[in-house]
């Protein structure tokens, strides 16, 4: 994964984490933690996408970035970021003391 691909995944992960927090207000961790969880999830999602589908992760024909690979990276990072934010919020709510 080159630096530009990583940056795209991290930014789209942060956006995906915040979008998931906005859609699921009861699961939101707050803007900062939604962003942090999204950034981590975007990096992980991008790495998984690159491993599964190299042509969508910007690795086709020597690693060039075309429109299809950029869209794939945005989708992988955004979905990964949103997913990790939701998983963390479920874990947080499961560990919270019940009153």
PDB file of N, CA and C in Angstrom:
ATOM      1  N   UNK A   1       0.854  -1.168   0.000  1.00  0.00           N
ATOM      2  CA  UNK A   1       0.000   0.000   0.000  1.00  0.00           C
ATOM      3  C   UNK A   1       0.899   1.230   0.000  1.00  0.00           C
ATOM      4  N   UNK A   2       0.664   2.129  -0.939  1.00  0.00           N
ATOM      5  CA  UNK A   2       1.475   3.336  -0.975  1.00  0.00           C
ATOM      6  C   UNK A   2       0.877   4.414  -0.069  1.00  0.00           C
ATOM      7  N   UNK A   3       1.587   5.504   0.103  1.00  0.00           N
ATOM      8  CA  UNK A   3       1.199   6.544   1.041  1.00  0.00           C
ATOM      9  C   UNK A   3      -0.126   7.198   0.658  1.00  0.00           C
ATOM     10  N   UNK A   4      -0.337   7.451  -0.616  1.00  0.00           N
ATOM     11  CA  UNK A   4      -1.577   8.086  -1.054  1.00  0.00           C
ATOM     12  C   UNK A   4      -2.769   7.175  -0.762  1.00  0.00           C
ATOM     13  N   UNK A   5      -2.627   5.887  -1.014  1.00  0.00           N
ATOM     14  CA  UNK A   5      -3.700   4.936  -0.712  1.00  0.00           C
ATOM     15  C   UNK A   5      -4.008   4.924   0.776  1.00  0.00           C
ATOM     16  N   UNK A   6      -2.967   4.945   1.592  1.00  0.00           N
ATOM     17  CA  UNK A   6      -3.153   4.943   3.041  1.00  0.00           C
ATOM     18  C   UNK A   6      -3.884   6.201   3.499  1.00  0.00           C
ATOM     19  N   UNK A   7      -3.505   7.348   2.978  1.00  0.00           N
ATOM     20  CA  UNK A   7      -4.158   8.604   3.351  1.00  0.00           C
ATOM     21  C   UNK A   7      -5.623   8.582   2.956  1.00  0.00           C
ATOM     22  N   UNK A   8      -5.930   8.093   1.752  1.00  0.00           N
ATOM     23  CA  UNK A   8      -7.319   8.000   1.305  1.00  0.00           C
ATOM     24  C   UNK A   8      -8.106   7.095   2.242  1.00  0.00           C
ATOM     25  N   UNK A   9      -7.540   5.943   2.614  1.00  0.00           N
ATOM     26  CA  UNK A   9      -8.230   5.019   3.510  1.00  0.00           C
ATOM     27  C   UNK A   9      -8.462   5.633   4.890  1.00  0.00           C
ATOM     28  N   UNK A  10      -7.475   6.332   5.422  1.00  0.00           N
ATOM     29  CA  UNK A  10      -7.614   6.907   6.757  1.00  0.00           C
ATOM     30  C   UNK A  10      -8.652   8.026   6.787  1.00  0.00           C
ATOM     31  N   UNK A  11      -8.626   8.884   5.777  1.00  0.00           N
ATOM     32  CA  UNK A  11      -9.600   9.982   5.719  1.00  0.00           C
ATOM     33  C   UNK A  11     -11.012   9.445   5.520  1.00  0.00           C
ATOM     34  N   UNK A  12     -11.171   8.492   4.594  1.00  0.00           N
ATOM     35  CA  UNK A  12     -12.506   7.941   4.374  1.00  0.00           C
ATOM     36  C   UNK A  12     -12.964   7.125   5.580  1.00  0.00           C
ATOM     37  N   UNK A  13     -12.031   6.536   6.319  1.00  0.00           N
ATOM     38  CA  UNK A  13     -12.386   5.840   7.550  1.00  0.00           C
ATOM     39  C   UNK A  13     -12.923   6.793   8.606  1.00  0.00           C
ATOM     40  N   UNK A  14     -12.283   7.950   8.752  1.00  0.00           N
ATOM     41  CA  UNK A  14     -12.766   8.953   9.704  1.00  0.00           C
ATOM     42  C   UNK A  14     -14.158   9.433   9.317  1.00  0.00           C
ATOM     43  N   UNK A  15     -14.372   9.656   8.034  1.00  0.00           N
ATOM     44  CA  UNK A  15     -15.693  10.074   7.564  1.00  0.00           C
ATOM     45  C   UNK A  15     -16.717   8.964   7.806  1.00  0.00           C
ATOM     46  N   UNK A  16     -16.329   7.715   7.524  1.00  0.00           N
ATOM     47  CA  UNK A  16     -17.228   6.587   7.750  1.00  0.00           C
ATOM     48  C   UNK A  16     -17.579   6.405   9.216  1.00  0.00           C
ATOM     49  N   UNK A  17     -16.615   6.577  10.101  1.00  0.00           N
ATOM     50  CA  UNK A  17     -16.875   6.483  11.535  1.00  0.00           C
ATOM     51  C   UNK A  17     -17.835   7.554  12.019  1.00  0.00           C
ATOM     52  N   UNK A  18     -17.653   8.773  11.534  1.00  0.00           N
ATOM     53  CA  UNK A  18     -18.552   9.856  11.929  1.00  0.00           C
ATOM     54  C   UNK A  18     -19.934   9.710  11.294  1.00  0.00           C
ATOM     55  N   UNK A  19     -19.983   9.186  10.075  1.00  0.00           N
ATOM     56  CA  UNK A  19     -21.286   8.951   9.435  1.00  0.00           C
ATOM     57  C   UNK A  19     -22.059   7.873  10.194  1.00  0.00           C
ATOM     58  N   UNK A  20     -21.378   6.816  10.605  1.00  0.00           N
ATOM     59  CA  UNK A  20     -22.038   5.770  11.380  1.00  0.00           C
ATOM     60  C   UNK A  20     -22.513   6.324  12.721  1.00  0.00           C
ATOM     61  N   UNK A  21     -21.728   7.175  13.351  1.00  0.00           N
ATOM     62  CA  UNK A  21     -22.133   7.799  14.611  1.00  0.00           C
ATOM     63  C   UNK A  21     -23.321   8.722  14.436  1.00  0.00           C
ATOM     64  N   UNK A  22     -23.397   9.411  13.296  1.00  0.00           N
ATOM     65  CA  UNK A  22     -24.533  10.299  13.039  1.00  0.00           C
ATOM     66  C   UNK A  22     -25.801   9.502  12.745  1.00  0.00           C
ATOM     67  N   UNK A  23     -25.656   8.375  12.069  1.00  0.00           N
ATOM     68  CA  UNK A  23     -26.821   7.545  11.749  1.00  0.00           C
ATOM     69  C   UNK A  23     -27.342   6.791  12.965  1.00  0.00           C
ATOM     70  N   UNK A  24     -26.435   6.417  13.847  1.00  0.00           N
ATOM     71  CA  UNK A  24     -26.806   5.650  15.039  1.00  0.00           C
ATOM     72  C   UNK A  24     -26.448   6.469  16.268  1.00  0.00           C
ATOM     73  N   UNK A  25     -27.254   7.472  16.572  1.00  0.00           N
ATOM     74  CA  UNK A  25     -26.920   8.411  17.647  1.00  0.00           C
ATOM     75  C   UNK A  25     -26.755   7.724  18.997  1.00  0.00           C
ATOM     76  N   UNK A  26     -27.487   6.637  19.237  1.00  0.00           N
ATOM     77  CA  UNK A  26     -27.354   5.947  20.512  1.00  0.00           C
ATOM     78  C   UNK A  26     -26.047   5.176  20.622  1.00  0.00           C
ATOM     79  N   UNK A  27     -25.377   4.914  19.520  1.00  0.00           N
ATOM     80  CA  UNK A  27     -24.096   4.198  19.515  1.00  0.00           C
ATOM     81  C   UNK A  27     -22.904   5.125  19.320  1.00  0.00           C
ATOM     82  N   UNK A  28     -23.145   6.401  19.105  1.00  0.00           N
ATOM     83  CA  UNK A  28     -22.069   7.344  18.837  1.00  0.00           C
ATOM     84  C   UNK A  28     -21.126   7.462  20.030  1.00  0.00           C
ATOM     85  N   UNK A  29     -19.845   7.560  19.738  1.00  0.00           N
ATOM     86  CA  UNK A  29     -18.821   7.714  20.769  1.00  0.00           C
ATOM     87  C   UNK A  29     -18.396   9.164  20.942  1.00  0.00           C
ATOM     88  N   UNK A  30     -18.982  10.054  20.180  1.00  0.00           N
ATOM     89  CA  UNK A  30     -18.557  11.445  20.134  1.00  0.00           C
ATOM     90  C   UNK A  30     -17.661  11.646  18.921  1.00  0.00           C
ATOM     91  N   UNK A  31     -17.573  12.860  18.460  1.00  0.00           N
ATOM     92  CA  UNK A  31     -16.853  13.145  17.213  1.00  0.00           C
ATOM     93  C   UNK A  31     -15.399  12.676  17.247  1.00  0.00           C
ATOM     94  N   UNK A  32     -14.702  12.961  18.321  1.00  0.00           N
ATOM     95  CA  UNK A  32     -13.289  12.598  18.398  1.00  0.00           C
ATOM     96  C   UNK A  32     -13.103  11.083  18.350  1.00  0.00           C
ATOM     97  N   UNK A  33     -13.842  10.343  19.179  1.00  0.00           N
ATOM     98  CA  UNK A  33     -13.664   8.897  19.231  1.00  0.00           C
ATOM     99  C   UNK A  33     -14.257   8.211  18.013  1.00  0.00           C
ATOM    100  N   UNK A  34     -15.314   8.778  17.429  1.00  0.00           N
ATOM    101  CA  UNK A  34     -15.806   8.250  16.149  1.00  0.00           C
ATOM    102  C   UNK A  34     -14.717   8.368  15.088  1.00  0.00           C
ATOM    103  N   UNK A  35     -14.029   9.505  15.090  1.00  0.00           N
ATOM    104  CA  UNK A  35     -12.955   9.730  14.114  1.00  0.00           C
ATOM    105  C   UNK A  35     -11.781   8.779  14.349  1.00  0.00           C
ATOM    106  N   UNK A  36     -11.382   8.611  15.605  1.00  0.00           N
ATOM    107  CA  UNK A  36     -10.251   7.722  15.909  1.00  0.00           C
ATOM    108  C   UNK A  36     -10.580   6.280  15.534  1.00  0.00           C
ATOM    109  N   UNK A  37     -11.773   5.820  15.927  1.00  0.00           N
ATOM    110  CA  UNK A  37     -12.185   4.462  15.564  1.00  0.00           C
ATOM    111  C   UNK A  37     -12.289   4.329  14.048  1.00  0.00           C
ATOM    112  N   UNK A  38     -12.785   5.366  13.393  1.00  0.00           N
ATOM    113  CA  UNK A  38     -12.901   5.346  11.934  1.00  0.00           C
ATOM    114  C   UNK A  38     -11.556   5.306  11.238  1.00  0.00           C
ATOM    115  N   UNK A  39     -10.592   6.059  11.748  1.00  0.00           N
ATOM    116  CA  UNK A  39      -9.249   6.060  11.161  1.00  0.00           C
ATOM    117  C   UNK A  39      -8.623   4.674  11.270  1.00  0.00           C
ATOM    118  N   UNK A  40      -8.734   4.070  12.458  1.00  0.00           N
ATOM    119  CA  UNK A  40      -8.199   2.715  12.629  1.00  0.00           C
ATOM    120  C   UNK A  40      -8.918   1.725  11.718  1.00  0.00           C
ATOM    121  N   UNK A  41     -10.232   1.822  11.680  1.00  0.00           N
ATOM    122  CA  UNK A  41     -11.014   0.927  10.823  1.00  0.00           C
ATOM    123  C   UNK A  41     -10.750   1.154   9.347  1.00  0.00           C
ATOM    124  N   UNK A  42     -10.509   2.395   8.966  1.00  0.00           N
ATOM    125  CA  UNK A  42     -10.185   2.692   7.570  1.00  0.00           C
ATOM    126  C   UNK A  42      -8.865   2.075   7.156  1.00  0.00           C
ATOM    127  N   UNK A  43      -7.879   2.150   8.038  1.00  0.00           N
ATOM    128  CA  UNK A  43      -6.589   1.510   7.748  1.00  0.00           C
ATOM    129  C   UNK A  43      -6.712   0.003   7.639  1.00  0.00           C
ATOM    130  N   UNK A  44      -7.463  -0.582   8.566  1.00  0.00           N
ATOM    131  CA  UNK A  44      -7.666  -2.034   8.533  1.00  0.00           C
ATOM    132  C   UNK A  44      -8.491  -2.427   7.318  1.00  0.00           C
ATOM    133  N   UNK A  45      -9.563  -1.678   7.050  1.00  0.00           N
ATOM    134  CA  UNK A  45     -10.407  -1.974   5.892  1.00  0.00           C
ATOM    135  C   UNK A  45      -9.648  -1.854   4.583  1.00  0.00           C
ATOM    136  N   UNK A  46      -8.780  -0.857   4.475  1.00  0.00           N
ATOM    137  CA  UNK A  46      -7.963  -0.705   3.276  1.00  0.00           C
ATOM    138  C   UNK A  46      -6.981  -1.841   3.085  1.00  0.00           C
ATOM    139  N   UNK A  47      -6.387  -2.296   4.194  1.00  0.00           N
ATOM    140  CA  UNK A  47      -5.446  -3.415   4.116  1.00  0.00           C
ATOM    141  C   UNK A  47      -6.160  -4.701   3.703  1.00  0.00           C
ATOM    142  N   UNK A  48      -7.346  -4.917   4.259  1.00  0.00           N
ATOM    143  CA  UNK A  48      -8.128  -6.106   3.884  1.00  0.00           C
ATOM    144  C   UNK A  48      -8.541  -6.027   2.425  1.00  0.00           C
ATOM    145  N   UNK A  49      -8.980  -4.846   1.990  1.00  0.00           N
ATOM    146  CA  UNK A  49      -9.382  -4.682   0.591  1.00  0.00           C
ATOM    147  C   UNK A  49      -8.211  -4.941  -0.346  1.00  0.00           C
ATOM    148  N   UNK A  50      -7.033  -4.449   0.008  1.00  0.00           N
ATOM    149  CA  UNK A  50      -5.849  -4.659  -0.825  1.00  0.00           C
ATOM    150  C   UNK A  50      -5.502  -6.142  -0.899  1.00  0.00           C
ATOM    151  N   UNK A  51      -5.662  -6.852   0.207  1.00  0.00           N
ATOM    152  CA  UNK A  51      -5.338  -8.280   0.218  1.00  0.00           C
ATOM    153  C   UNK A  51      -6.343  -9.095  -0.590  1.00  0.00           C
ATOM    154  N   UNK A  52      -7.619  -8.715  -0.528  1.00  0.00           N
ATOM    155  CA  UNK A  52      -8.656  -9.483  -1.208  1.00  0.00           C
ATOM    156  C   UNK A  52      -8.805  -9.134  -2.682  1.00  0.00           C
ATOM    157  N   UNK A  53      -8.770  -7.831  -2.985  1.00  0.00           N
ATOM    158  CA  UNK A  53      -8.997  -7.373  -4.351  1.00  0.00           C
ATOM    159  C   UNK A  53      -7.929  -6.341  -4.718  1.00  0.00           C
ATOM    160  N   UNK A  54      -6.739  -6.790  -5.119  1.00  0.00           N
ATOM    161  CA  UNK A  54      -5.649  -5.844  -5.388  1.00  0.00           C
ATOM    162  C   UNK A  54      -5.974  -4.815  -6.480  1.00  0.00           C
ATOM    163  N   UNK A  55      -6.794  -5.175  -7.452  1.00  0.00           N
ATOM    164  CA  UNK A  55      -7.095  -4.233  -8.532  1.00  0.00           C
ATOM    165  C   UNK A  55      -7.926  -3.052  -8.036  1.00  0.00           C
ATOM    166  N   UNK A  56      -8.729  -3.231  -6.984  1.00  0.00           N
ATOM    167  CA  UNK A  56      -9.506  -2.127  -6.431  1.00  0.00           C
ATOM    168  C   UNK A  56      -8.712  -1.305  -5.434  1.00  0.00           C
ATOM    169  N   UNK A  57      -7.604  -1.816  -4.986  1.00  0.00           N
ATOM    170  CA  UNK A  57      -6.816  -1.121  -3.975  1.00  0.00           C
ATOM    171  C   UNK A  57      -5.656  -0.333  -4.575  1.00  0.00           C
ATOM    172  N   UNK A  58      -5.688  -0.058  -5.843  1.00  0.00           N
ATOM    173  CA  UNK A  58      -4.645   0.752  -6.456  1.00  0.00           C
ATOM    174  C   UNK A  58      -3.394  -0.010  -6.805  1.00  0.00           C
ATOM    175  N   UNK A  59      -3.456  -1.332  -6.877  1.00  0.00           N
ATOM    176  CA  UNK A  59      -2.264  -2.119  -7.149  1.00  0.00           C
ATOM    177  C   UNK A  59      -2.234  -2.652  -8.583  1.00  0.00           C
ATOM    178  N   UNK A  60      -3.223  -2.325  -9.363  1.00  0.00           N
ATOM    179  CA  UNK A  60      -3.256  -2.799 -10.749  1.00  0.00           C
ATOM    180  C   UNK A  60      -2.223  -2.047 -11.582  1.00  0.00           C
ATOM    181  N   UNK A  61      -1.613  -2.696 -12.516  1.00  0.00           N
ATOM    182  CA  UNK A  61      -0.630  -2.127 -13.440  1.00  0.00           C
ATOM    183  C   UNK A  61       0.426  -1.287 -12.720  1.00  0.00           C
ATOM    184  N   UNK A  62       1.083  -1.894 -11.757  1.00  0.00           N
ATOM    185  CA  UNK A  62       2.216  -1.229 -11.120  1.00  0.00           C
ATOM    186  C   UNK A  62       1.857  -0.256 -10.035  1.00  0.00           C
ATOM    187  N   UNK A  63       0.660  -0.305  -9.499  1.00  0.00           N
ATOM    188  CA  UNK A  63       0.310   0.536  -8.366  1.00  0.00           C
ATOM    189  C   UNK A  63      -0.226   1.898  -8.736  1.00  0.00           C
ATOM    190  N   UNK A  64      -0.650   2.118  -9.973  1.00  0.00           N
ATOM    191  CA  UNK A  64      -1.194   3.409 -10.348  1.00  0.00           C
ATOM    192  C   UNK A  64      -2.554   3.652  -9.717  1.00  0.00           C
ATOM    193  N   UNK A  65      -2.872   4.913  -9.491  1.00  0.00           N
ATOM    194  CA  UNK A  65      -4.163   5.271  -8.928  1.00  0.00           C
ATOM    195  C   UNK A  65      -5.063   5.767 -10.053  1.00  0.00           C
ATOM    196  N   UNK A  66      -6.107   5.005 -10.338  1.00  0.00           N
ATOM    197  CA  UNK A  66      -7.110   5.473 -11.286  1.00  0.00           C
ATOM    198  C   UNK A  66      -8.403   5.706 -10.518  1.00  0.00           C
ATOM    199  N   UNK A  67      -9.430   6.165 -11.207  1.00  0.00           N
ATOM    200  CA  UNK A  67     -10.687   6.501 -10.552  1.00  0.00           C
ATOM    201  C   UNK A  67     -11.305   5.297  -9.856  1.00  0.00           C
ATOM    202  N   UNK A  68     -11.249   4.148 -10.493  1.00  0.00           N
ATOM    203  CA  UNK A  68     -11.819   2.937  -9.897  1.00  0.00           C
ATOM    204  C   UNK A  68     -11.130   2.542  -8.613  1.00  0.00           C
ATOM    205  N   UNK A  69      -9.806   2.638  -8.586  1.00  0.00           N
ATOM    206  CA  UNK A  69      -9.082   2.269  -7.368  1.00  0.00           C
ATOM    207  C   UNK A  69      -9.329   3.275  -6.251  1.00  0.00           C
ATOM    208  N   UNK A  70      -9.450   4.550  -6.578  1.00  0.00           N
ATOM    209  CA  UNK A  70      -9.721   5.565  -5.564  1.00  0.00           C
ATOM    210  C   UNK A  70     -11.105   5.352  -4.963  1.00  0.00           C
ATOM    211  N   UNK A  71     -12.096   5.082  -5.811  1.00  0.00           N
ATOM    212  CA  UNK A  71     -13.448   4.814  -5.316  1.00  0.00           C
ATOM    213  C   UNK A  71     -13.449   3.562  -4.441  1.00  0.00           C
ATOM    214  N   UNK A  72     -12.713   2.536  -4.849  1.00  0.00           N
ATOM    215  CA  UNK A  72     -12.613   1.324  -4.049  1.00  0.00           C
ATOM    216  C   UNK A  72     -11.975   1.574  -2.697  1.00  0.00           C
ATOM    217  N   UNK A  73     -10.944   2.407  -2.668  1.00  0.00           N
ATOM    218  CA  UNK A  73     -10.282   2.737  -1.408  1.00  0.00           C
ATOM    219  C   UNK A  73     -11.196   3.546  -0.498  1.00  0.00           C
ATOM    220  N   UNK A  74     -11.938   4.473  -1.074  1.00  0.00           N
ATOM    221  CA  UNK A  74     -12.874   5.265  -0.283  1.00  0.00           C
ATOM    222  C   UNK A  74     -13.949   4.359   0.312  1.00  0.00           C
ATOM    223  N   UNK A  75     -14.465   3.450  -0.505  1.00  0.00           N
ATOM    224  CA  UNK A  75     -15.495   2.532  -0.017  1.00  0.00           C
ATOM    225  C   UNK A  75     -14.945   1.607   1.061  1.00  0.00           C
ATOM    226  N   UNK A  76     -13.775   1.030   0.827  1.00  0.00           N
ATOM    227  CA  UNK A  76     -13.175   0.130   1.812  1.00  0.00           C
ATOM    228  C   UNK A  76     -12.846   0.836   3.114  1.00  0.00           C
ATOM    229  N   UNK A  77     -12.281   2.013   3.014  1.00  0.00           N
ATOM    230  CA  UNK A  77     -11.949   2.775   4.219  1.00  0.00           C
ATOM    231  C   UNK A  77     -13.181   3.249   4.959  1.00  0.00           C
ATOM    232  N   UNK A  78     -14.172   3.733   4.233  1.00  0.00           N
ATOM    233  CA  UNK A  78     -15.405   4.211   4.867  1.00  0.00           C
ATOM    234  C   UNK A  78     -16.175   3.107   5.555  1.00  0.00           C
ATOM    235  N   UNK A  79     -16.313   1.984   4.874  1.00  0.00           N
ATOM    236  CA  UNK A  79     -17.019   0.846   5.469  1.00  0.00           C
ATOM    237  C   UNK A  79     -16.240   0.303   6.660  1.00  0.00           C
ATOM    238  N   UNK A  80     -14.922   0.177   6.521  1.00  0.00           N
ATOM    239  CA  UNK A  80     -14.099  -0.301   7.628  1.00  0.00           C
ATOM    240  C   UNK A  80     -14.177   0.626   8.831  1.00  0.00           C
ATOM    241  N   UNK A  81     -14.155   1.923   8.586  1.00  0.00           N
ATOM    242  CA  UNK A  81     -14.243   2.898   9.673  1.00  0.00           C
ATOM    243  C   UNK A  81     -15.584   2.855  10.377  1.00  0.00           C
ATOM    244  N   UNK A  82     -16.650   2.807   9.611  1.00  0.00           N
ATOM    245  CA  UNK A  82     -17.979   2.724  10.210  1.00  0.00           C
ATOM    246  C   UNK A  82     -18.179   1.438  10.984  1.00  0.00           C
ATOM    247  N   UNK A  83     -17.703   0.347  10.423  1.00  0.00           N
ATOM    248  CA  UNK A  83     -17.856  -0.959  11.069  1.00  0.00           C
ATOM    249  C   UNK A  83     -17.097  -1.022  12.393  1.00  0.00           C
ATOM    250  N   UNK A  84     -15.861  -0.547  12.405  1.00  0.00           N
ATOM    251  CA  UNK A  84     -15.086  -0.592  13.643  1.00  0.00           C
ATOM    252  C   UNK A  84     -15.693   0.323  14.700  1.00  0.00           C
ATOM    253  N   UNK A  85     -16.223   1.470  14.301  1.00  0.00           N
ATOM    254  CA  UNK A  85     -16.863   2.367  15.256  1.00  0.00           C
ATOM    255  C   UNK A  85     -18.074   1.688  15.892  1.00  0.00           C
ATOM    256  N   UNK A  86     -18.879   0.997  15.103  1.00  0.00           N
ATOM    257  CA  UNK A  86     -20.053   0.301  15.627  1.00  0.00           C
ATOM    258  C   UNK A  86     -19.626  -0.839  16.555  1.00  0.00           C
ATOM    259  N   UNK A  87     -18.612  -1.590  16.165  1.00  0.00           N
ATOM    260  CA  UNK A  87     -18.125  -2.695  17.008  1.00  0.00           C
ATOM    261  C   UNK A  87     -17.629  -2.169  18.347  1.00  0.00           C
ATOM    262  N   UNK A  88     -16.863  -1.084  18.325  1.00  0.00           N
ATOM    263  CA  UNK A  88     -16.351  -0.509  19.570  1.00  0.00           C
ATOM    264  C   UNK A  88     -17.492   0.003  20.438  1.00  0.00           C
ATOM    265  N   UNK A  89     -18.508   0.613  19.830  1.00  0.00           N
ATOM    266  CA  UNK A  89     -19.627   1.120  20.625  1.00  0.00           C
ATOM    267  C   UNK A  89     -20.416  -0.020  21.260  1.00  0.00           C
ATOM    268  N   UNK A  90     -20.570  -1.158  20.548  1.00  0.00           N
ATOM    269  CA  UNK A  90     -21.246  -2.308  21.134  1.00  0.00           C
ATOM    270  C   UNK A  90     -20.443  -2.864  22.308  1.00  0.00           C
ATOM    271  N   UNK A  91     -19.124  -2.944  22.149  1.00  0.00           N
ATOM    272  CA  UNK A  91     -18.279  -3.428  23.249  1.00  0.00           C
ATOM    273  C   UNK A  91     -18.358  -2.479  24.440  1.00  0.00           C
ATOM    274  N   UNK A  92     -18.335  -1.183  24.158  1.00  0.00           N
ATOM    275  CA  UNK A  92     -18.408  -0.198  25.235  1.00  0.00           C
ATOM    276  C   UNK A  92     -19.735  -0.312  25.988  1.00  0.00           C
ATOM    277  N   UNK A  93     -20.826  -0.458  25.270  1.00  0.00           N
ATOM    278  CA  UNK A  93     -22.130  -0.562  25.944  1.00  0.00           C
ATOM    279  C   UNK A  93     -22.268  -1.892  26.696  1.00  0.00           C
ATOM    280  N   UNK A  94     -21.639  -2.949  26.204  1.00  0.00           N
ATOM    281  CA  UNK A  94     -21.687  -4.234  26.895  1.00  0.00           C
ATOM    282  C   UNK A  94     -20.874  -4.213  28.178  1.00  0.00           C
ATOM    283  N   UNK A  95     -19.822  -3.408  28.219  1.00  0.00           N
ATOM    284  CA  UNK A  95     -18.954  -3.346  29.395  1.00  0.00           C
ATOM    285  C   UNK A  95     -19.433  -2.309  30.407  1.00  0.00           C
ATOM    286  N   UNK A  96     -20.384  -1.457  30.036  1.00  0.00           N
ATOM    287  CA  UNK A  96     -20.866  -0.422  30.945  1.00  0.00           C
ATOM    288  C   UNK A  96     -21.620  -1.060  32.105  1.00  0.00           C
ATOM    289  N   UNK A  97     -21.440  -0.507  33.288  1.00  0.00           N
ATOM    290  CA  UNK A  97     -22.160  -1.070  34.442  1.00  0.00           C
ATOM    291  C   UNK A  97     -23.667  -0.861  34.286  1.00  0.00           C
ATOM    292  N   UNK A  98     -24.402  -1.898  34.607  1.00  0.00           N
ATOM    293  CA  UNK A  98     -25.863  -1.845  34.516  1.00  0.00           C
ATOM    294  C   UNK A  98     -26.414  -1.287  35.831  1.00  0.00           C
ATOM    295  N   UNK A  99     -27.360  -0.364  35.689  1.00  0.00           N
ATOM    296  CA  UNK A  99     -27.937   0.204  36.912  1.00  0.00           C
ATOM    297  C   UNK A  99     -29.397  -0.124  37.036  1.00  0.00           C
TER     298      UNK A  99
END
